[in-house]
N, C-alpha and C. Protein backbone atom coordinates (compact mmCIF):
# COMPACT_ATOMS: atom_id res chain seq x y z
N MET A 1 24.32 -15.50 8.67
CA MET A 1 24.05 -15.09 10.04
C MET A 1 22.55 -14.89 10.24
N THR A 2 21.98 -15.53 11.23
CA THR A 2 20.54 -15.43 11.48
C THR A 2 20.20 -14.06 12.06
N LYS A 3 19.18 -13.45 11.52
CA LYS A 3 18.75 -12.15 12.00
C LYS A 3 17.97 -12.30 13.30
N SER A 4 18.36 -11.52 14.30
CA SER A 4 17.68 -11.58 15.58
C SER A 4 16.31 -10.92 15.47
N PRO A 5 15.27 -11.58 16.02
CA PRO A 5 13.93 -11.00 15.95
C PRO A 5 13.75 -9.80 16.87
N ILE A 6 14.75 -9.53 17.74
CA ILE A 6 14.58 -8.45 18.70
C ILE A 6 14.43 -7.09 18.00
N TYR A 7 15.17 -6.90 16.89
CA TYR A 7 15.07 -5.62 16.19
C TYR A 7 13.71 -5.47 15.51
N ARG A 8 13.20 -6.58 14.97
CA ARG A 8 11.89 -6.53 14.32
C ARG A 8 10.81 -6.13 15.32
N TRP A 9 10.82 -6.76 16.47
CA TRP A 9 9.82 -6.44 17.49
C TRP A 9 10.07 -5.06 18.09
N SER A 10 11.33 -4.66 18.15
CA SER A 10 11.65 -3.34 18.71
C SER A 10 11.12 -2.22 17.83
N ILE A 11 11.30 -2.34 16.51
CA ILE A 11 10.81 -1.26 15.63
C ILE A 11 9.29 -1.27 15.59
N ILE A 12 8.67 -2.45 15.70
CA ILE A 12 7.21 -2.50 15.79
C ILE A 12 6.75 -1.76 17.04
N ALA A 13 7.46 -1.97 18.15
CA ALA A 13 7.11 -1.29 19.39
C ALA A 13 7.29 0.21 19.26
N VAL A 14 8.38 0.63 18.59
CA VAL A 14 8.62 2.07 18.40
C VAL A 14 7.52 2.69 17.54
N LEU A 15 7.11 2.00 16.48
CA LEU A 15 6.05 2.52 15.61
C LEU A 15 4.71 2.59 16.34
N LEU A 16 4.43 1.58 17.16
CA LEU A 16 3.19 1.62 17.95
C LEU A 16 3.24 2.77 18.96
N LEU A 17 4.42 2.99 19.55
CA LEU A 17 4.59 4.11 20.47
C LEU A 17 4.39 5.44 19.75
N ALA A 18 5.00 5.57 18.58
CA ALA A 18 4.86 6.80 17.80
C ALA A 18 3.41 7.05 17.43
N TRP A 19 2.73 6.00 16.97
CA TRP A 19 1.31 6.12 16.60
C TRP A 19 0.46 6.51 17.81
N GLY A 20 0.70 5.85 18.94
CA GLY A 20 -0.09 6.12 20.13
C GLY A 20 0.12 7.53 20.66
N LEU A 21 1.37 7.98 20.70
CA LEU A 21 1.65 9.33 21.19
C LEU A 21 1.04 10.40 20.30
N ARG A 22 0.90 10.10 19.03
CA ARG A 22 0.36 11.08 18.09
C ARG A 22 -1.17 11.04 18.02
N LEU A 23 -1.74 9.88 18.29
CA LEU A 23 -3.19 9.72 18.14
C LEU A 23 -3.95 9.97 19.43
N CYS A 24 -3.34 9.69 20.56
CA CYS A 24 -4.04 9.76 21.84
C CYS A 24 -4.49 11.18 22.18
N CYS A 25 -5.75 11.30 22.60
CA CYS A 25 -6.28 12.56 23.17
C CYS A 25 -6.17 13.75 22.22
N LEU A 26 -6.44 13.51 20.93
CA LEU A 26 -6.34 14.59 19.96
C LEU A 26 -7.33 15.72 20.21
N ASP A 27 -8.43 15.42 20.90
CA ASP A 27 -9.45 16.44 21.14
C ASP A 27 -9.11 17.34 22.33
N THR A 28 -8.10 16.96 23.12
CA THR A 28 -7.76 17.75 24.30
C THR A 28 -6.30 18.20 24.37
N ILE A 29 -5.40 17.52 23.66
CA ILE A 29 -3.98 17.88 23.68
C ILE A 29 -3.49 18.03 22.24
N PRO A 30 -3.12 19.23 21.82
CA PRO A 30 -3.23 20.50 22.54
C PRO A 30 -4.69 20.94 22.62
N PRO A 31 -5.03 21.76 23.62
CA PRO A 31 -6.44 22.16 23.79
C PRO A 31 -6.89 23.13 22.69
N GLY A 32 -8.07 22.88 22.16
CA GLY A 32 -8.65 23.79 21.17
C GLY A 32 -7.94 23.71 19.82
N TRP A 33 -8.35 24.61 18.93
CA TRP A 33 -7.78 24.68 17.59
C TRP A 33 -6.91 25.92 17.47
N ARG A 34 -5.80 25.82 16.78
CA ARG A 34 -4.98 27.00 16.47
C ARG A 34 -5.63 27.77 15.34
N ASP A 35 -5.37 29.08 15.33
CA ASP A 35 -5.96 29.90 14.26
C ASP A 35 -5.50 29.44 12.88
N ASP A 36 -4.21 29.03 12.76
CA ASP A 36 -3.72 28.55 11.47
C ASP A 36 -4.44 27.29 11.02
N GLU A 37 -4.79 26.43 11.96
CA GLU A 37 -5.52 25.22 11.61
C GLU A 37 -6.90 25.56 11.06
N LEU A 38 -7.57 26.50 11.70
CA LEU A 38 -8.91 26.89 11.25
C LEU A 38 -8.86 27.55 9.88
N ILE A 39 -7.81 28.35 9.65
CA ILE A 39 -7.64 28.95 8.32
C ILE A 39 -7.44 27.86 7.28
N ASN A 40 -6.60 26.86 7.61
CA ASN A 40 -6.36 25.77 6.67
C ASN A 40 -7.65 25.04 6.32
N ILE A 41 -8.46 24.77 7.34
CA ILE A 41 -9.68 24.00 7.12
C ILE A 41 -10.72 24.80 6.36
N SER A 42 -10.95 26.04 6.78
CA SER A 42 -12.03 26.82 6.18
C SER A 42 -11.63 27.48 4.87
N ALA A 43 -10.45 28.11 4.83
CA ALA A 43 -10.09 28.91 3.66
C ALA A 43 -9.33 28.13 2.61
N LEU A 44 -8.61 27.07 2.99
CA LEU A 44 -7.77 26.36 2.03
C LEU A 44 -8.36 25.01 1.66
N SER A 45 -8.45 24.10 2.63
CA SER A 45 -9.08 22.82 2.33
C SER A 45 -10.54 23.02 1.95
N GLY A 46 -11.16 24.07 2.49
CA GLY A 46 -12.54 24.38 2.14
C GLY A 46 -12.73 24.66 0.67
N LYS A 47 -11.75 25.29 0.04
CA LYS A 47 -11.83 25.56 -1.40
C LYS A 47 -11.88 24.25 -2.19
N LEU A 48 -11.08 23.30 -1.75
CA LEU A 48 -11.07 22.01 -2.43
C LEU A 48 -12.40 21.29 -2.28
N LEU A 49 -12.99 21.41 -1.09
CA LEU A 49 -14.29 20.78 -0.86
C LEU A 49 -15.37 21.44 -1.69
N GLU A 50 -15.13 22.69 -2.09
CA GLU A 50 -16.09 23.39 -2.95
C GLU A 50 -15.87 23.10 -4.43
N GLY A 51 -14.85 22.31 -4.74
CA GLY A 51 -14.60 21.92 -6.13
C GLY A 51 -13.57 22.77 -6.84
N ARG A 52 -12.83 23.60 -6.11
CA ARG A 52 -11.76 24.40 -6.71
C ARG A 52 -10.42 23.77 -6.33
N PHE A 53 -9.53 23.59 -7.31
CA PHE A 53 -8.29 22.85 -7.08
C PHE A 53 -7.08 23.65 -7.56
N PRO A 54 -6.70 24.68 -6.83
CA PRO A 54 -5.53 25.49 -7.23
C PRO A 54 -4.23 24.73 -7.04
N LEU A 55 -3.25 25.03 -7.89
CA LEU A 55 -1.92 24.44 -7.76
C LEU A 55 -1.09 25.16 -6.71
N TYR A 56 -1.56 26.32 -6.29
CA TYR A 56 -0.90 27.07 -5.22
C TYR A 56 -1.93 27.98 -4.59
N PHE A 57 -1.96 28.00 -3.28
CA PHE A 57 -2.90 28.86 -2.57
C PHE A 57 -2.23 30.21 -2.32
N THR A 58 -2.79 31.26 -2.87
CA THR A 58 -2.20 32.58 -2.68
C THR A 58 -2.59 33.19 -1.34
N GLY A 59 -3.66 32.70 -0.72
CA GLY A 59 -4.06 33.21 0.58
C GLY A 59 -3.18 32.70 1.70
N ALA A 60 -3.32 33.31 2.88
CA ALA A 60 -2.58 32.91 4.07
C ALA A 60 -1.07 32.95 3.83
N SER A 61 -0.61 34.01 3.15
CA SER A 61 0.81 34.22 2.83
C SER A 61 1.37 33.19 1.86
N GLY A 62 0.50 32.43 1.20
CA GLY A 62 0.93 31.45 0.22
C GLY A 62 1.12 30.07 0.82
N HIS A 63 0.50 29.08 0.18
CA HIS A 63 0.59 27.71 0.68
C HIS A 63 0.76 26.74 -0.47
N GLU A 64 1.70 25.81 -0.32
CA GLU A 64 1.78 24.67 -1.23
C GLU A 64 0.57 23.77 -0.96
N PRO A 65 0.03 23.11 -1.99
CA PRO A 65 -1.30 22.51 -1.84
C PRO A 65 -1.37 21.05 -1.40
N LEU A 66 -0.27 20.29 -1.42
CA LEU A 66 -0.40 18.84 -1.25
C LEU A 66 -1.10 18.47 0.05
N TYR A 67 -0.66 19.06 1.16
CA TYR A 67 -1.27 18.73 2.45
C TYR A 67 -2.75 19.05 2.43
N HIS A 68 -3.12 20.17 1.84
CA HIS A 68 -4.52 20.59 1.83
C HIS A 68 -5.38 19.68 0.94
N TRP A 69 -4.79 19.20 -0.16
CA TRP A 69 -5.52 18.24 -0.99
C TRP A 69 -5.85 16.99 -0.17
N LEU A 70 -4.84 16.44 0.49
CA LEU A 70 -5.06 15.24 1.30
C LEU A 70 -5.98 15.52 2.49
N HIS A 71 -5.80 16.70 3.09
CA HIS A 71 -6.61 17.08 4.24
C HIS A 71 -8.08 17.20 3.85
N ALA A 72 -8.33 17.78 2.69
CA ALA A 72 -9.70 17.91 2.22
C ALA A 72 -10.35 16.54 2.03
N GLY A 73 -9.56 15.56 1.59
CA GLY A 73 -10.09 14.21 1.44
C GLY A 73 -10.51 13.62 2.77
N ALA A 74 -9.68 13.83 3.80
CA ALA A 74 -10.03 13.32 5.13
C ALA A 74 -11.28 14.01 5.66
N LEU A 75 -11.38 15.31 5.44
CA LEU A 75 -12.55 16.05 5.92
C LEU A 75 -13.80 15.64 5.17
N ALA A 76 -13.66 15.33 3.89
CA ALA A 76 -14.82 14.91 3.09
C ALA A 76 -15.35 13.56 3.57
N VAL A 77 -14.45 12.69 4.00
CA VAL A 77 -14.85 11.35 4.43
C VAL A 77 -15.41 11.35 5.85
N TRP A 78 -14.72 12.04 6.77
CA TRP A 78 -15.08 11.95 8.19
C TRP A 78 -15.71 13.22 8.75
N GLY A 79 -15.86 14.27 7.93
CA GLY A 79 -16.41 15.52 8.45
C GLY A 79 -15.37 16.31 9.21
N VAL A 80 -15.76 17.48 9.69
CA VAL A 80 -14.83 18.34 10.43
C VAL A 80 -14.95 18.03 11.92
N ASN A 81 -13.93 17.39 12.45
CA ASN A 81 -13.87 17.04 13.87
C ASN A 81 -12.41 16.87 14.24
N PRO A 82 -12.09 16.76 15.53
CA PRO A 82 -10.68 16.66 15.92
C PRO A 82 -9.93 15.50 15.28
N LEU A 83 -10.61 14.35 15.08
CA LEU A 83 -9.92 13.22 14.49
C LEU A 83 -9.59 13.47 13.02
N SER A 84 -10.59 13.83 12.23
CA SER A 84 -10.35 14.06 10.81
C SER A 84 -9.44 15.26 10.58
N GLY A 85 -9.52 16.25 11.47
CA GLY A 85 -8.69 17.44 11.34
C GLY A 85 -7.22 17.17 11.57
N HIS A 86 -6.91 16.14 12.36
CA HIS A 86 -5.52 15.88 12.73
C HIS A 86 -4.99 14.54 12.26
N LEU A 87 -5.84 13.66 11.76
CA LEU A 87 -5.42 12.30 11.43
C LEU A 87 -4.34 12.28 10.35
N LEU A 88 -4.43 13.15 9.37
CA LEU A 88 -3.41 13.19 8.31
C LEU A 88 -2.04 13.48 8.90
N SER A 89 -1.97 14.43 9.82
CA SER A 89 -0.68 14.75 10.45
C SER A 89 -0.18 13.58 11.28
N VAL A 90 -1.08 12.88 11.95
CA VAL A 90 -0.71 11.70 12.73
C VAL A 90 -0.07 10.65 11.82
N VAL A 91 -0.69 10.39 10.69
CA VAL A 91 -0.19 9.38 9.75
C VAL A 91 1.18 9.80 9.19
N LEU A 92 1.30 11.05 8.77
CA LEU A 92 2.56 11.52 8.20
C LEU A 92 3.68 11.52 9.23
N GLY A 93 3.35 11.90 10.46
CA GLY A 93 4.36 11.89 11.51
C GLY A 93 4.85 10.49 11.83
N THR A 94 3.94 9.53 11.86
CA THR A 94 4.32 8.14 12.11
C THR A 94 5.11 7.57 10.94
N LEU A 95 4.72 7.94 9.72
CA LEU A 95 5.46 7.50 8.54
C LEU A 95 6.89 8.01 8.55
N ALA A 96 7.09 9.23 9.03
CA ALA A 96 8.44 9.79 9.13
C ALA A 96 9.30 8.96 10.09
N VAL A 97 8.72 8.47 11.16
CA VAL A 97 9.46 7.61 12.10
C VAL A 97 9.88 6.32 11.40
N ALA A 98 8.97 5.71 10.65
CA ALA A 98 9.29 4.47 9.94
C ALA A 98 10.39 4.68 8.90
N LEU A 99 10.31 5.78 8.16
CA LEU A 99 11.31 6.06 7.14
C LEU A 99 12.65 6.46 7.74
N THR A 100 12.62 7.08 8.91
CA THR A 100 13.88 7.37 9.62
C THR A 100 14.59 6.07 9.96
N TYR A 101 13.82 5.09 10.42
CA TYR A 101 14.41 3.78 10.73
C TYR A 101 15.00 3.16 9.46
N ALA A 102 14.26 3.20 8.35
CA ALA A 102 14.73 2.58 7.11
C ALA A 102 16.01 3.23 6.61
N LEU A 103 16.05 4.57 6.60
CA LEU A 103 17.23 5.28 6.11
C LEU A 103 18.42 5.08 7.04
N ALA A 104 18.21 5.22 8.34
CA ALA A 104 19.31 5.05 9.29
C ALA A 104 19.84 3.62 9.28
N ARG A 105 18.96 2.65 9.07
CA ARG A 105 19.41 1.26 9.00
C ARG A 105 20.32 1.06 7.79
N ARG A 106 19.94 1.65 6.67
CA ARG A 106 20.77 1.53 5.46
C ARG A 106 22.12 2.21 5.65
N LEU A 107 22.14 3.32 6.39
CA LEU A 107 23.37 4.07 6.57
C LEU A 107 24.26 3.51 7.67
N PHE A 108 23.65 3.21 8.83
CA PHE A 108 24.45 2.95 10.02
C PHE A 108 24.16 1.62 10.72
N GLY A 109 23.15 0.89 10.25
CA GLY A 109 22.84 -0.38 10.90
C GLY A 109 21.61 -0.28 11.80
N ARG A 110 21.20 -1.44 12.29
CA ARG A 110 19.92 -1.53 13.00
C ARG A 110 19.92 -0.83 14.35
N ALA A 111 21.01 -0.93 15.09
CA ALA A 111 21.03 -0.34 16.43
C ALA A 111 20.87 1.18 16.37
N VAL A 112 21.63 1.81 15.47
CA VAL A 112 21.51 3.26 15.30
C VAL A 112 20.13 3.62 14.78
N ALA A 113 19.62 2.82 13.84
CA ALA A 113 18.30 3.09 13.27
C ALA A 113 17.22 3.05 14.34
N LEU A 114 17.33 2.08 15.23
CA LEU A 114 16.34 1.96 16.30
C LEU A 114 16.41 3.17 17.24
N GLY A 115 17.61 3.59 17.57
CA GLY A 115 17.76 4.76 18.43
C GLY A 115 17.25 6.03 17.77
N ALA A 116 17.56 6.20 16.48
CA ALA A 116 17.11 7.40 15.76
C ALA A 116 15.59 7.45 15.64
N SER A 117 14.98 6.32 15.33
CA SER A 117 13.53 6.29 15.19
C SER A 117 12.84 6.51 16.53
N LEU A 118 13.41 5.96 17.60
CA LEU A 118 12.84 6.18 18.93
C LEU A 118 12.96 7.65 19.34
N ALA A 119 14.10 8.26 19.02
CA ALA A 119 14.28 9.68 19.33
C ALA A 119 13.27 10.53 18.59
N LEU A 120 13.04 10.22 17.31
CA LEU A 120 12.06 11.00 16.55
C LEU A 120 10.64 10.74 17.05
N ALA A 121 10.36 9.50 17.39
CA ALA A 121 9.02 9.14 17.86
C ALA A 121 8.63 9.93 19.10
N THR A 122 9.61 10.28 19.94
CA THR A 122 9.31 10.94 21.21
C THR A 122 9.76 12.39 21.25
N SER A 123 10.30 12.92 20.15
CA SER A 123 10.80 14.29 20.17
C SER A 123 9.65 15.30 20.19
N PHE A 124 9.87 16.43 20.83
CA PHE A 124 8.82 17.43 21.01
C PHE A 124 8.30 17.96 19.68
N TRP A 125 9.21 18.38 18.80
CA TRP A 125 8.76 19.03 17.56
C TRP A 125 8.02 18.06 16.65
N SER A 126 8.51 16.83 16.56
CA SER A 126 7.81 15.85 15.74
C SER A 126 6.42 15.57 16.31
N LEU A 127 6.33 15.44 17.62
CA LEU A 127 5.04 15.22 18.25
C LEU A 127 4.10 16.40 18.03
N MET A 128 4.63 17.60 18.19
CA MET A 128 3.77 18.78 18.04
C MET A 128 3.18 18.87 16.63
N TYR A 129 4.05 18.76 15.63
CA TYR A 129 3.55 18.91 14.26
C TYR A 129 2.76 17.70 13.79
N SER A 130 2.90 16.58 14.49
CA SER A 130 2.10 15.40 14.16
C SER A 130 0.70 15.47 14.78
N ARG A 131 0.47 16.46 15.63
CA ARG A 131 -0.81 16.54 16.34
C ARG A 131 -1.60 17.80 15.97
N ILE A 132 -1.11 18.59 15.03
CA ILE A 132 -1.84 19.78 14.58
C ILE A 132 -1.98 19.75 13.07
N ALA A 133 -2.97 20.45 12.57
CA ALA A 133 -3.30 20.39 11.15
C ALA A 133 -2.54 21.46 10.36
N LEU A 134 -1.22 21.32 10.31
CA LEU A 134 -0.38 22.22 9.52
C LEU A 134 0.45 21.40 8.54
N ARG A 135 0.80 22.03 7.42
CA ARG A 135 1.42 21.30 6.32
C ARG A 135 2.89 20.95 6.55
N HIS A 136 3.52 21.48 7.57
CA HIS A 136 4.94 21.25 7.81
C HIS A 136 5.29 19.76 7.86
N ILE A 137 4.42 18.97 8.45
CA ILE A 137 4.70 17.56 8.69
C ILE A 137 4.69 16.74 7.40
N SER A 138 4.22 17.33 6.29
CA SER A 138 4.17 16.58 5.03
C SER A 138 5.52 16.49 4.34
N LEU A 139 6.48 17.34 4.70
CA LEU A 139 7.78 17.32 4.05
C LEU A 139 8.70 16.18 4.51
N PRO A 140 8.87 15.93 5.80
CA PRO A 140 9.84 14.90 6.22
C PRO A 140 9.68 13.52 5.59
N PRO A 141 8.45 12.97 5.47
CA PRO A 141 8.37 11.64 4.85
C PRO A 141 8.87 11.61 3.41
N LEU A 142 8.55 12.63 2.64
CA LEU A 142 8.98 12.66 1.24
C LEU A 142 10.49 12.87 1.14
N ALA A 143 11.03 13.75 1.98
CA ALA A 143 12.48 13.98 1.97
C ALA A 143 13.23 12.72 2.37
N LEU A 144 12.75 12.04 3.41
CA LEU A 144 13.40 10.80 3.84
C LEU A 144 13.33 9.72 2.76
N ALA A 145 12.18 9.61 2.10
CA ALA A 145 12.05 8.63 1.02
C ALA A 145 12.99 8.95 -0.13
N MET A 146 13.16 10.25 -0.42
CA MET A 146 14.07 10.65 -1.50
C MET A 146 15.52 10.30 -1.14
N PHE A 147 15.93 10.62 0.09
CA PHE A 147 17.30 10.32 0.51
C PHE A 147 17.55 8.81 0.53
N TYR A 148 16.52 8.06 0.85
CA TYR A 148 16.65 6.60 0.87
C TYR A 148 16.99 6.05 -0.51
N GLN A 149 16.52 6.73 -1.57
CA GLN A 149 16.75 6.26 -2.93
C GLN A 149 18.13 6.63 -3.48
N LEU A 150 18.84 7.56 -2.82
CA LEU A 150 20.13 7.99 -3.35
C LEU A 150 21.09 6.81 -3.43
N PRO A 151 21.78 6.65 -4.56
CA PRO A 151 22.63 5.46 -4.76
C PRO A 151 23.84 5.39 -3.85
N ILE A 152 24.23 6.51 -3.24
CA ILE A 152 25.39 6.47 -2.36
C ILE A 152 25.14 5.57 -1.15
N TYR A 153 23.87 5.37 -0.83
CA TYR A 153 23.55 4.55 0.34
C TYR A 153 23.46 3.08 0.03
N GLN A 154 23.62 2.71 -1.22
CA GLN A 154 23.52 1.30 -1.60
C GLN A 154 24.90 0.68 -1.60
N SER A 155 24.97 -0.56 -1.22
CA SER A 155 26.27 -1.21 -1.09
C SER A 155 26.95 -1.35 -2.44
N ASN A 156 28.27 -1.26 -2.42
CA ASN A 156 29.04 -1.43 -3.65
C ASN A 156 28.90 -2.87 -4.15
N GLY A 157 28.94 -3.00 -5.47
CA GLY A 157 28.84 -4.33 -6.04
C GLY A 157 27.45 -4.91 -5.98
N SER A 158 26.43 -4.05 -5.91
CA SER A 158 25.07 -4.55 -5.81
C SER A 158 24.58 -5.15 -7.13
N GLY A 159 25.28 -4.82 -8.21
CA GLY A 159 24.94 -5.41 -9.49
C GLY A 159 23.67 -4.85 -10.11
N LYS A 160 23.29 -3.65 -9.72
CA LYS A 160 22.09 -3.07 -10.31
C LYS A 160 22.33 -2.78 -11.79
N ARG A 161 21.35 -3.10 -12.60
CA ARG A 161 21.46 -2.83 -14.02
C ARG A 161 21.15 -1.37 -14.31
N VAL A 162 21.45 -0.97 -15.53
CA VAL A 162 21.25 0.42 -15.94
C VAL A 162 19.79 0.82 -15.79
N ILE A 163 18.89 -0.05 -16.19
CA ILE A 163 17.46 0.28 -16.09
C ILE A 163 17.04 0.46 -14.64
N GLY A 164 17.64 -0.36 -13.75
CA GLY A 164 17.34 -0.22 -12.33
C GLY A 164 17.80 1.12 -11.80
N LYS A 165 18.99 1.54 -12.22
CA LYS A 165 19.52 2.83 -11.79
C LYS A 165 18.66 3.98 -12.34
N LEU A 166 18.21 3.80 -13.58
CA LEU A 166 17.36 4.83 -14.18
C LEU A 166 16.05 4.96 -13.41
N ILE A 167 15.44 3.83 -13.07
CA ILE A 167 14.21 3.85 -12.28
C ILE A 167 14.46 4.51 -10.93
N ASN A 168 15.62 4.23 -10.37
CA ASN A 168 15.98 4.82 -9.08
C ASN A 168 16.00 6.34 -9.15
N TRP A 169 16.61 6.88 -10.19
CA TRP A 169 16.69 8.34 -10.33
C TRP A 169 15.33 8.94 -10.71
N VAL A 170 14.52 8.19 -11.44
CA VAL A 170 13.16 8.66 -11.73
C VAL A 170 12.38 8.79 -10.43
N LEU A 171 12.51 7.81 -9.55
CA LEU A 171 11.84 7.88 -8.25
C LEU A 171 12.33 9.09 -7.44
N ILE A 172 13.63 9.34 -7.48
CA ILE A 172 14.18 10.50 -6.79
C ILE A 172 13.57 11.78 -7.35
N GLY A 173 13.48 11.86 -8.67
CA GLY A 173 12.88 13.04 -9.30
C GLY A 173 11.42 13.22 -8.93
N LEU A 174 10.66 12.12 -8.92
CA LEU A 174 9.25 12.19 -8.56
C LEU A 174 9.07 12.64 -7.10
N LEU A 175 9.85 12.05 -6.21
CA LEU A 175 9.76 12.41 -4.80
C LEU A 175 10.16 13.86 -4.59
N LEU A 176 11.19 14.31 -5.30
CA LEU A 176 11.60 15.70 -5.20
C LEU A 176 10.49 16.62 -5.71
N GLY A 177 9.92 16.28 -6.86
CA GLY A 177 8.86 17.11 -7.42
C GLY A 177 7.65 17.21 -6.51
N VAL A 178 7.23 16.09 -5.95
CA VAL A 178 6.08 16.10 -5.04
C VAL A 178 6.40 16.87 -3.77
N SER A 179 7.65 16.73 -3.29
CA SER A 179 8.02 17.42 -2.05
C SER A 179 7.92 18.93 -2.18
N LEU A 180 8.10 19.45 -3.39
CA LEU A 180 8.02 20.90 -3.59
C LEU A 180 6.61 21.44 -3.40
N TYR A 181 5.65 20.54 -3.30
CA TYR A 181 4.26 20.93 -3.04
C TYR A 181 3.89 20.81 -1.57
N THR A 182 4.90 20.72 -0.69
CA THR A 182 4.61 20.51 0.72
C THR A 182 4.83 21.76 1.57
N TYR A 183 6.06 22.31 1.53
CA TYR A 183 6.44 23.39 2.44
C TYR A 183 7.65 24.10 1.86
N PRO A 184 7.82 25.42 2.11
CA PRO A 184 8.94 26.16 1.49
C PRO A 184 10.31 25.56 1.74
N ALA A 185 10.52 24.90 2.88
CA ALA A 185 11.83 24.32 3.16
C ALA A 185 12.23 23.27 2.12
N ALA A 186 11.25 22.71 1.40
CA ALA A 186 11.54 21.71 0.38
C ALA A 186 12.37 22.29 -0.76
N ARG A 187 12.39 23.61 -0.90
CA ARG A 187 13.17 24.22 -1.97
C ARG A 187 14.67 24.02 -1.78
N LEU A 188 15.08 23.61 -0.59
CA LEU A 188 16.50 23.31 -0.36
C LEU A 188 16.88 21.91 -0.85
N LEU A 189 15.91 21.05 -1.09
CA LEU A 189 16.23 19.69 -1.51
C LEU A 189 16.97 19.64 -2.85
N PRO A 190 16.58 20.45 -3.87
CA PRO A 190 17.37 20.44 -5.11
C PRO A 190 18.82 20.85 -4.88
N VAL A 191 19.04 21.77 -3.94
CA VAL A 191 20.41 22.17 -3.63
C VAL A 191 21.20 20.99 -3.08
N LEU A 192 20.57 20.22 -2.20
CA LEU A 192 21.24 19.05 -1.65
C LEU A 192 21.57 18.02 -2.74
N LEU A 193 20.66 17.87 -3.71
CA LEU A 193 20.94 16.93 -4.80
C LEU A 193 22.08 17.43 -5.69
N ILE A 194 22.15 18.75 -5.90
CA ILE A 194 23.25 19.31 -6.69
C ILE A 194 24.58 19.09 -5.98
N VAL A 195 24.59 19.31 -4.69
CA VAL A 195 25.80 19.07 -3.91
C VAL A 195 26.19 17.59 -3.98
N PHE A 196 25.19 16.72 -3.91
CA PHE A 196 25.46 15.29 -4.01
C PHE A 196 26.03 14.95 -5.39
N GLY A 197 25.46 15.58 -6.45
CA GLY A 197 26.00 15.35 -7.79
C GLY A 197 27.44 15.82 -7.91
N GLY A 198 27.75 16.95 -7.27
CA GLY A 198 29.12 17.42 -7.26
C GLY A 198 30.05 16.44 -6.56
N TYR A 199 29.56 15.85 -5.49
CA TYR A 199 30.35 14.85 -4.76
C TYR A 199 30.62 13.64 -5.66
N LEU A 200 29.60 13.19 -6.40
CA LEU A 200 29.79 12.04 -7.28
C LEU A 200 30.77 12.37 -8.39
N ALA A 201 30.70 13.63 -8.89
CA ALA A 201 31.60 14.02 -9.99
C ALA A 201 33.05 14.08 -9.51
């Protein structure tokens, strides 16, 4: 059966929409900087720019470091300005839309995947966290990538060899481990994997 190009162009349009909605007018919408953003830039990412690389930030009620490591890199390259301050969140938010499409397509097919990705691309909370410099937005892409690797979503009779399955679970472990450096909600991901293991058993 020939694949219709309409879905390919549709997801490209959705990704361009997601990117545009997240990137447009970063210096004015939302207006000004939030206090949490300034704390992240000066007190957390600032430490990294000074050459200190903690595995956990004890300040600001405690912060996982992955977002701040990446954020410090953007600030080092482009300086402190609205674009560099928010570009990482823009990229992560758009990546979450793409991964939502990939996961939903594997689970439910292209039509549902397109609808789900469009809904996420235009949803208020995704847009908000994709336009501010907070670490929350770093969790969804890693969680979606981890769920995408779960073997329950792969078709039966795929003929994967043992080594392929082993690599698959190694990737799941790596994505889970990295996700724990994003935001406290990531601590629920091991619980979900345990429940999934119980289901398989």
